[in-house]
Structures are given as C-alpha cells and as structure tokens.
Amino acid sequence: MSNITATEVVLPGRVEPAGLTVTDRELPPPGAGDALVRMEATGVSFAEQQMRRGKYYDQPPFPFVPGLVIVCTVLSFV
C-alpha cells in the first residue's frame, strides 16, 4: 500500500469548537500488529468536550486527534 492519507480533526489546545483544525497527512504503511481502518462515523463524547477544555483526567498532551469512539471498516490487518 502506498499514499495512504488521513484527514484529521486536530485539537491544538484549549479552544472553542471553531478553533479545531482540519489537516491531511500521509500515514506510514501498517506495521506488525496494526490495522488499517476507514472511519465511517465518530461522535463527540463528554470526555472529548472536557479534553477540549483541558479538564479531563489523564488526557493526552495537546495537540492530539480525538476519537474515543468510531464506526469503521477494517481494510487490512497486519
């Protein structure tokens, strides 16, 4: 597989929803134990809203791509 790209909604820091950024980036090929998925849908959970405000316990450091719950199709599994 080559030229695998992802469109990501990035949470750059404590921002209002309008401050989220949308970026495209090339992904490395899947490695051993990885799955390549096509995301069909995602929601915005209470936890992610708290993360956007910087108030969630043990959240990842900014910037990050939220996505706790997704609906996807598995394209390949290595």
PDB file of N, CA and C in Angstrom:
ATOM      1  N   MET A   1       0.847  -1.177   0.000  1.00  0.00           N
ATOM      2  CA  MET A   1       0.000   0.000   0.000  1.00  0.00           C
ATOM      3  C   MET A   1       0.886   1.231   0.000  1.00  0.00           C
ATOM      4  N   SER A   2       0.482   2.217  -0.768  1.00  0.00           N
ATOM      5  CA  SER A   2       1.234   3.465  -0.778  1.00  0.00           C
ATOM      6  C   SER A   2       0.260   4.627  -0.808  1.00  0.00           C
ATOM      7  N   ASN A   3       0.772   5.786  -0.451  1.00  0.00           N
ATOM      8  CA  ASN A   3      -0.034   7.004  -0.454  1.00  0.00           C
ATOM      9  C   ASN A   3      -1.306   6.875   0.375  1.00  0.00           C
ATOM     10  N   ILE A   4      -1.171   6.357   1.574  1.00  0.00           N
ATOM     11  CA  ILE A   4      -2.301   6.297   2.490  1.00  0.00           C
ATOM     12  C   ILE A   4      -2.361   7.640   3.195  1.00  0.00           C
ATOM     13  N   THR A   5      -3.478   8.338   3.080  1.00  0.00           N
ATOM     14  CA  THR A   5      -3.607   9.629   3.731  1.00  0.00           C
ATOM     15  C   THR A   5      -4.777   9.614   4.704  1.00  0.00           C
ATOM     16  N   ALA A   6      -4.699  10.496   5.671  1.00  0.00           N
ATOM     17  CA  ALA A   6      -5.769  10.637   6.663  1.00  0.00           C
ATOM     18  C   ALA A   6      -6.151  12.103   6.756  1.00  0.00           C
ATOM     19  N   THR A   7      -7.426  12.349   6.890  1.00  0.00           N
ATOM     20  CA  THR A   7      -7.926  13.675   7.219  1.00  0.00           C
ATOM     21  C   THR A   7      -8.219  13.655   8.705  1.00  0.00           C
ATOM     22  N   GLU A   8      -7.613  14.577   9.439  1.00  0.00           N
ATOM     23  CA  GLU A   8      -7.712  14.570  10.896  1.00  0.00           C
ATOM     24  C   GLU A   8      -8.272  15.894  11.409  1.00  0.00           C
ATOM     25  N   VAL A   9      -9.083  15.802  12.435  1.00  0.00           N
ATOM     26  CA  VAL A   9      -9.502  16.985  13.186  1.00  0.00           C
ATOM     27  C   VAL A   9      -8.583  17.043  14.396  1.00  0.00           C
ATOM     28  N   VAL A  10      -7.788  18.087  14.464  1.00  0.00           N
ATOM     29  CA  VAL A  10      -6.760  18.208  15.498  1.00  0.00           C
ATOM     30  C   VAL A  10      -7.239  19.170  16.581  1.00  0.00           C
ATOM     31  N   LEU A  11      -7.060  18.749  17.809  1.00  0.00           N
ATOM     32  CA  LEU A  11      -7.346  19.591  18.967  1.00  0.00           C
ATOM     33  C   LEU A  11      -6.016  20.226  19.377  1.00  0.00           C
ATOM     34  N   PRO A  12      -5.786  21.499  18.981  1.00  0.00           N
ATOM     35  CA  PRO A  12      -4.466  22.099  19.185  1.00  0.00           C
ATOM     36  C   PRO A  12      -4.193  22.557  20.614  1.00  0.00           C
ATOM     37  N   GLY A  13      -5.224  22.737  21.396  1.00  0.00           N
ATOM     38  CA  GLY A  13      -5.095  23.234  22.759  1.00  0.00           C
ATOM     39  C   GLY A  13      -6.483  23.547  23.286  1.00  0.00           C
ATOM     40  N   ARG A  14      -6.543  24.313  24.345  1.00  0.00           N
ATOM     41  CA  ARG A  14      -7.839  24.727  24.893  1.00  0.00           C
ATOM     42  C   ARG A  14      -8.471  25.720  23.933  1.00  0.00           C
ATOM     43  N   VAL A  15      -9.445  25.260  23.181  1.00  0.00           N
ATOM     44  CA  VAL A  15     -10.088  26.102  22.173  1.00  0.00           C
ATOM     45  C   VAL A  15     -11.589  25.870  22.173  1.00  0.00           C
ATOM     46  N   GLU A  16     -12.295  26.837  21.631  1.00  0.00           N
ATOM     47  CA  GLU A  16     -13.706  26.647  21.337  1.00  0.00           C
ATOM     48  C   GLU A  16     -13.789  25.753  20.102  1.00  0.00           C
ATOM     49  N   PRO A  17     -14.945  25.179  19.821  1.00  0.00           N
ATOM     50  CA  PRO A  17     -15.049  24.288  18.659  1.00  0.00           C
ATOM     51  C   PRO A  17     -14.528  24.903  17.354  1.00  0.00           C
ATOM     52  N   ALA A  18     -14.697  26.200  17.180  1.00  0.00           N
ATOM     53  CA  ALA A  18     -14.211  26.854  15.958  1.00  0.00           C
ATOM     54  C   ALA A  18     -12.686  26.820  15.855  1.00  0.00           C
ATOM     55  N   GLY A  19     -11.996  26.570  16.951  1.00  0.00           N
ATOM     56  CA  GLY A  19     -10.540  26.531  16.957  1.00  0.00           C
ATOM     57  C   GLY A  19      -9.939  25.192  16.561  1.00  0.00           C
ATOM     58  N   LEU A  20     -10.779  24.176  16.349  1.00  0.00           N
ATOM     59  CA  LEU A  20     -10.276  22.890  15.868  1.00  0.00           C
ATOM     60  C   LEU A  20      -9.738  23.064  14.456  1.00  0.00           C
ATOM     61  N   THR A  21      -8.706  22.327  14.114  1.00  0.00           N
ATOM     62  CA  THR A  21      -8.140  22.424  12.772  1.00  0.00           C
ATOM     63  C   THR A  21      -8.300  21.110  12.037  1.00  0.00           C
ATOM     64  N   VAL A  22      -8.454  21.189  10.738  1.00  0.00           N
ATOM     65  CA  VAL A  22      -8.571  20.004   9.887  1.00  0.00           C
ATOM     66  C   VAL A  22      -7.318  19.940   9.033  1.00  0.00           C
ATOM     67  N   THR A  23      -6.629  18.803   9.096  1.00  0.00           N
ATOM     68  CA  THR A  23      -5.396  18.634   8.336  1.00  0.00           C
ATOM     69  C   THR A  23      -5.421  17.293   7.620  1.00  0.00           C
ATOM     70  N   ASP A  24      -4.637  17.198   6.575  1.00  0.00           N
ATOM     71  CA  ASP A  24      -4.403  15.934   5.876  1.00  0.00           C
ATOM     72  C   ASP A  24      -2.946  15.570   6.081  1.00  0.00           C
ATOM     73  N   ARG A  25      -2.692  14.290   6.295  1.00  0.00           N
ATOM     74  CA  ARG A  25      -1.294  13.855   6.411  1.00  0.00           C
ATOM     75  C   ARG A  25      -1.146  12.451   5.851  1.00  0.00           C
ATOM     76  N   GLU A  26       0.056  12.167   5.372  1.00  0.00           N
ATOM     77  CA  GLU A  26       0.350  10.841   4.852  1.00  0.00           C
ATOM     78  C   GLU A  26       0.664   9.919   6.026  1.00  0.00           C
ATOM     79  N   LEU A  27       0.143   8.712   5.962  1.00  0.00           N
ATOM     80  CA  LEU A  27       0.368   7.724   7.017  1.00  0.00           C
ATOM     81  C   LEU A  27       1.442   6.739   6.587  1.00  0.00           C
ATOM     82  N   PRO A  28       2.216   6.250   7.538  1.00  0.00           N
ATOM     83  CA  PRO A  28       3.170   5.189   7.199  1.00  0.00           C
ATOM     84  C   PRO A  28       2.398   3.908   6.920  1.00  0.00           C
ATOM     85  N   PRO A  29       3.010   2.976   6.200  1.00  0.00           N
ATOM     86  CA  PRO A  29       2.334   1.695   5.985  1.00  0.00           C
ATOM     87  C   PRO A  29       2.101   0.987   7.319  1.00  0.00           C
ATOM     88  N   PRO A  30       1.031   0.226   7.440  1.00  0.00           N
ATOM     89  CA  PRO A  30       0.787  -0.501   8.687  1.00  0.00           C
ATOM     90  C   PRO A  30       1.927  -1.477   8.982  1.00  0.00           C
ATOM     91  N   GLY A  31       2.297  -1.557  10.254  1.00  0.00           N
ATOM     92  CA  GLY A  31       3.323  -2.490  10.687  1.00  0.00           C
ATOM     93  C   GLY A  31       2.705  -3.689  11.377  1.00  0.00           C
ATOM     94  N   ALA A  32       3.541  -4.585  11.870  1.00  0.00           N
ATOM     95  CA  ALA A  32       3.058  -5.793  12.541  1.00  0.00           C
ATOM     96  C   ALA A  32       2.134  -5.426  13.696  1.00  0.00           C
ATOM     97  N   GLY A  33       0.971  -6.040  13.734  1.00  0.00           N
ATOM     98  CA  GLY A  33       0.002  -5.803  14.792  1.00  0.00           C
ATOM     99  C   GLY A  33      -0.895  -4.594  14.557  1.00  0.00           C
ATOM    100  N   ASP A  34      -0.706  -3.886  13.435  1.00  0.00           N
ATOM    101  CA  ASP A  34      -1.516  -2.709  13.120  1.00  0.00           C
ATOM    102  C   ASP A  34      -2.721  -3.090  12.264  1.00  0.00           C
ATOM    103  N   ALA A  35      -3.744  -2.288  12.357  1.00  0.00           N
ATOM    104  CA  ALA A  35      -4.912  -2.422  11.484  1.00  0.00           C
ATOM    105  C   ALA A  35      -5.089  -1.106  10.747  1.00  0.00           C
ATOM    106  N   LEU A  36      -5.439  -1.181   9.486  1.00  0.00           N
ATOM    107  CA  LEU A  36      -5.783  -0.004   8.703  1.00  0.00           C
ATOM    108  C   LEU A  36      -7.293   0.034   8.610  1.00  0.00           C
ATOM    109  N   VAL A  37      -7.887   1.134   9.046  1.00  0.00           N
ATOM    110  CA  VAL A  37      -9.345   1.247   9.060  1.00  0.00           C
ATOM    111  C   VAL A  37      -9.775   2.500   8.300  1.00  0.00           C
ATOM    112  N   ARG A  38     -10.974   2.438   7.758  1.00  0.00           N
ATOM    113  CA  ARG A  38     -11.610   3.622   7.178  1.00  0.00           C
ATOM    114  C   ARG A  38     -12.704   4.042   8.140  1.00  0.00           C
ATOM    115  N   MET A  39     -12.580   5.228   8.697  1.00  0.00           N
ATOM    116  CA  MET A  39     -13.570   5.695   9.654  1.00  0.00           C
ATOM    117  C   MET A  39     -14.828   6.111   8.896  1.00  0.00           C
ATOM    118  N   GLU A  40     -15.944   5.584   9.344  1.00  0.00           N
ATOM    119  CA  GLU A  40     -17.230   5.890   8.728  1.00  0.00           C
ATOM    120  C   GLU A  40     -17.950   6.999   9.498  1.00  0.00           C
ATOM    121  N   ALA A  41     -17.828   6.989  10.818  1.00  0.00           N
ATOM    122  CA  ALA A  41     -18.500   7.979  11.658  1.00  0.00           C
ATOM    123  C   ALA A  41     -17.810   8.036  13.011  1.00  0.00           C
ATOM    124  N   THR A  42     -17.969   9.163  13.666  1.00  0.00           N
ATOM    125  CA  THR A  42     -17.482   9.327  15.024  1.00  0.00           C
ATOM    126  C   THR A  42     -18.399  10.305  15.742  1.00  0.00           C
ATOM    127  N   GLY A  43     -18.385  10.240  17.023  1.00  0.00           N
ATOM    128  CA  GLY A  43     -19.165  11.183  17.818  1.00  0.00           C
ATOM    129  C   GLY A  43     -18.244  12.058  18.629  1.00  0.00           C
ATOM    130  N   VAL A  44     -18.815  13.023  19.268  1.00  0.00           N
ATOM    131  CA  VAL A  44     -18.051  13.874  20.182  1.00  0.00           C
ATOM    132  C   VAL A  44     -18.590  13.588  21.575  1.00  0.00           C
ATOM    133  N   SER A  45     -17.781  12.916  22.364  1.00  0.00           N
ATOM    134  CA  SER A  45     -18.216  12.471  23.682  1.00  0.00           C
ATOM    135  C   SER A  45     -18.028  13.553  24.737  1.00  0.00           C
ATOM    136  N   PHE A  46     -18.640  13.325  25.880  1.00  0.00           N
ATOM    137  CA  PHE A  46     -18.456  14.223  27.024  1.00  0.00           C
ATOM    138  C   PHE A  46     -16.972  14.301  27.377  1.00  0.00           C
ATOM    139  N   ALA A  47     -16.290  13.160  27.362  1.00  0.00           N
ATOM    140  CA  ALA A  47     -14.860  13.143  27.700  1.00  0.00           C
ATOM    141  C   ALA A  47     -14.074  14.042  26.742  1.00  0.00           C
ATOM    142  N   GLU A  48     -14.384  13.978  25.449  1.00  0.00           N
ATOM    143  CA  GLU A  48     -13.661  14.801  24.484  1.00  0.00           C
ATOM    144  C   GLU A  48     -13.977  16.288  24.659  1.00  0.00           C
ATOM    145  N   GLN A  49     -15.195  16.606  25.056  1.00  0.00           N
ATOM    146  CA  GLN A  49     -15.517  18.001  25.351  1.00  0.00           C
ATOM    147  C   GLN A  49     -14.697  18.491  26.556  1.00  0.00           C
ATOM    148  N   GLN A  50     -14.546  17.640  27.551  1.00  0.00           N
ATOM    149  CA  GLN A  50     -13.720  18.004  28.704  1.00  0.00           C
ATOM    150  C   GLN A  50     -12.249  18.141  28.292  1.00  0.00           C
ATOM    151  N   MET A  51     -11.777  17.267  27.399  1.00  0.00           N
ATOM    152  CA  MET A  51     -10.398  17.371  26.908  1.00  0.00           C
ATOM    153  C   MET A  51     -10.183  18.691  26.195  1.00  0.00           C
ATOM    154  N   ARG A  52     -11.156  19.110  25.382  1.00  0.00           N
ATOM    155  CA  ARG A  52     -11.054  20.376  24.659  1.00  0.00           C
ATOM    156  C   ARG A  52     -10.900  21.544  25.630  1.00  0.00           C
ATOM    157  N   ARG A  53     -11.479  21.405  26.792  1.00  0.00           N
ATOM    158  CA  ARG A  53     -11.388  22.445  27.816  1.00  0.00           C
ATOM    159  C   ARG A  53     -10.169  22.267  28.736  1.00  0.00           C
ATOM    160  N   GLY A  54      -9.415  21.170  28.532  1.00  0.00           N
ATOM    161  CA  GLY A  54      -8.256  20.900  29.370  1.00  0.00           C
ATOM    162  C   GLY A  54      -8.620  20.423  30.758  1.00  0.00           C
ATOM    163  N   LYS A  55      -9.789  19.803  30.914  1.00  0.00           N
ATOM    164  CA  LYS A  55     -10.288  19.420  32.236  1.00  0.00           C
ATOM    165  C   LYS A  55     -10.511  17.918  32.383  1.00  0.00           C
ATOM    166  N   TYR A  56      -9.952  17.104  31.504  1.00  0.00           N
ATOM    167  CA  TYR A  56     -10.190  15.666  31.586  1.00  0.00           C
ATOM    168  C   TYR A  56      -9.020  14.989  32.272  1.00  0.00           C
ATOM    169  N   TYR A  57      -9.317  14.100  33.192  1.00  0.00           N
ATOM    170  CA  TYR A  57      -8.283  13.362  33.905  1.00  0.00           C
ATOM    171  C   TYR A  57      -7.451  12.547  32.921  1.00  0.00           C
ATOM    172  N   ASP A  58      -6.161  12.660  33.012  1.00  0.00           N
ATOM    173  CA  ASP A  58      -5.214  11.835  32.252  1.00  0.00           C
ATOM    174  C   ASP A  58      -5.381  11.978  30.737  1.00  0.00           C
ATOM    175  N   GLN A  59      -5.704  13.173  30.271  1.00  0.00           N
ATOM    176  CA  GLN A  59      -5.855  13.369  28.832  1.00  0.00           C
ATOM    177  C   GLN A  59      -4.496  13.430  28.162  1.00  0.00           C
ATOM    178  N   PRO A  60      -4.452  13.170  26.862  1.00  0.00           N
ATOM    179  CA  PRO A  60      -3.177  13.279  26.154  1.00  0.00           C
ATOM    180  C   PRO A  60      -2.744  14.743  26.075  1.00  0.00           C
ATOM    181  N   PRO A  61      -1.457  14.984  25.899  1.00  0.00           N
ATOM    182  CA  PRO A  61      -0.993  16.364  25.763  1.00  0.00           C
ATOM    183  C   PRO A  61      -1.450  16.957  24.426  1.00  0.00           C
ATOM    184  N   PHE A  62      -1.683  18.268  24.421  1.00  0.00           N
ATOM    185  CA  PHE A  62      -2.011  18.973  23.178  1.00  0.00           C
ATOM    186  C   PHE A  62      -0.769  19.047  22.310  1.00  0.00           C
ATOM    187  N   PRO A  63      -0.891  19.044  20.999  1.00  0.00           N
ATOM    188  CA  PRO A  63      -2.066  18.777  20.188  1.00  0.00           C
ATOM    189  C   PRO A  63      -2.308  17.280  20.069  1.00  0.00           C
ATOM    190  N   PHE A  64      -3.559  16.895  19.842  1.00  0.00           N
ATOM    191  CA  PHE A  64      -3.882  15.496  19.596  1.00  0.00           C
ATOM    192  C   PHE A  64      -5.144  15.391  18.753  1.00  0.00           C
ATOM    193  N   VAL A  65      -5.367  14.199  18.227  1.00  0.00           N
ATOM    194  CA  VAL A  65      -6.548  13.910  17.411  1.00  0.00           C
ATOM    195  C   VAL A  65      -7.513  13.120  18.281  1.00  0.00           C
ATOM    196  N   PRO A  66      -8.658  13.717  18.653  1.00  0.00           N
ATOM    197  CA  PRO A  66      -9.626  12.979  19.460  1.00  0.00           C
ATOM    198  C   PRO A  66     -10.300  11.891  18.625  1.00  0.00           C
ATOM    199  N   GLY A  67     -10.905  10.957  19.297  1.00  0.00           N
ATOM    200  CA  GLY A  67     -11.614   9.881  18.600  1.00  0.00           C
ATOM    201  C   GLY A  67     -11.744   8.668  19.488  1.00  0.00           C
ATOM    202  N   LEU A  68     -12.422   8.818  20.598  1.00  0.00           N
ATOM    203  CA  LEU A  68     -12.570   7.700  21.529  1.00  0.00           C
ATOM    204  C   LEU A  68     -13.474   6.608  20.975  1.00  0.00           C
ATOM    205  N   VAL A  69     -14.496   7.015  20.244  1.00  0.00           N
ATOM    206  CA  VAL A  69     -15.470   6.047  19.716  1.00  0.00           C
ATOM    207  C   VAL A  69     -15.600   6.274  18.222  1.00  0.00           C
ATOM    208  N   ILE A  70     -15.378   5.213  17.434  1.00  0.00           N
ATOM    209  CA  ILE A  70     -15.525   5.329  15.987  1.00  0.00           C
ATOM    210  C   ILE A  70     -16.303   4.140  15.430  1.00  0.00           C
ATOM    211  N   VAL A  71     -16.914   4.368  14.299  1.00  0.00           N
ATOM    212  CA  VAL A  71     -17.511   3.313  13.495  1.00  0.00           C
ATOM    213  C   VAL A  71     -16.627   3.192  12.262  1.00  0.00           C
ATOM    214  N   CYS A  72     -16.095   2.000  12.000  1.00  0.00           N
ATOM    215  CA  CYS A  72     -15.118   1.889  10.922  1.00  0.00           C
ATOM    216  C   CYS A  72     -15.244   0.565  10.188  1.00  0.00           C
ATOM    217  N   THR A  73     -14.591   0.529   9.053  1.00  0.00           N
ATOM    218  CA  THR A  73     -14.420  -0.690   8.275  1.00  0.00           C
ATOM    219  C   THR A  73     -12.947  -1.047   8.308  1.00  0.00           C
ATOM    220  N   VAL A  74     -12.615  -2.276   8.658  1.00  0.00           N
ATOM    221  CA  VAL A  74     -11.231  -2.721   8.683  1.00  0.00           C
ATOM    222  C   VAL A  74     -10.817  -3.034   7.245  1.00  0.00           C
ATOM    223  N   LEU A  75      -9.795  -2.326   6.755  1.00  0.00           N
ATOM    224  CA  LEU A  75      -9.312  -2.533   5.394  1.00  0.00           C
ATOM    225  C   LEU A  75      -8.229  -3.597   5.337  1.00  0.00           C
ATOM    226  N   SER A  76      -7.373  -3.625   6.337  1.00  0.00           N
ATOM    227  CA  SER A  76      -6.340  -4.660   6.393  1.00  0.00           C
ATOM    228  C   SER A  76      -5.849  -4.790   7.822  1.00  0.00           C
ATOM    229  N   PHE A  77      -5.336  -5.947   8.132  1.00  0.00           N
ATOM    230  CA  PHE A  77      -4.750  -6.210   9.441  1.00  0.00           C
ATOM    231  C   PHE A  77      -3.441  -6.927   9.207  1.00  0.00           C
ATOM    232  N   VAL A  78      -2.362  -6.368   9.762  1.00  0.00           N
ATOM    233  CA  VAL A  78      -1.024  -6.940   9.541  1.00  0.00           C
ATOM    234  C   VAL A  78      -0.642  -7.766  10.749  1.00  0.00           C
TER     235      VAL A  78
END
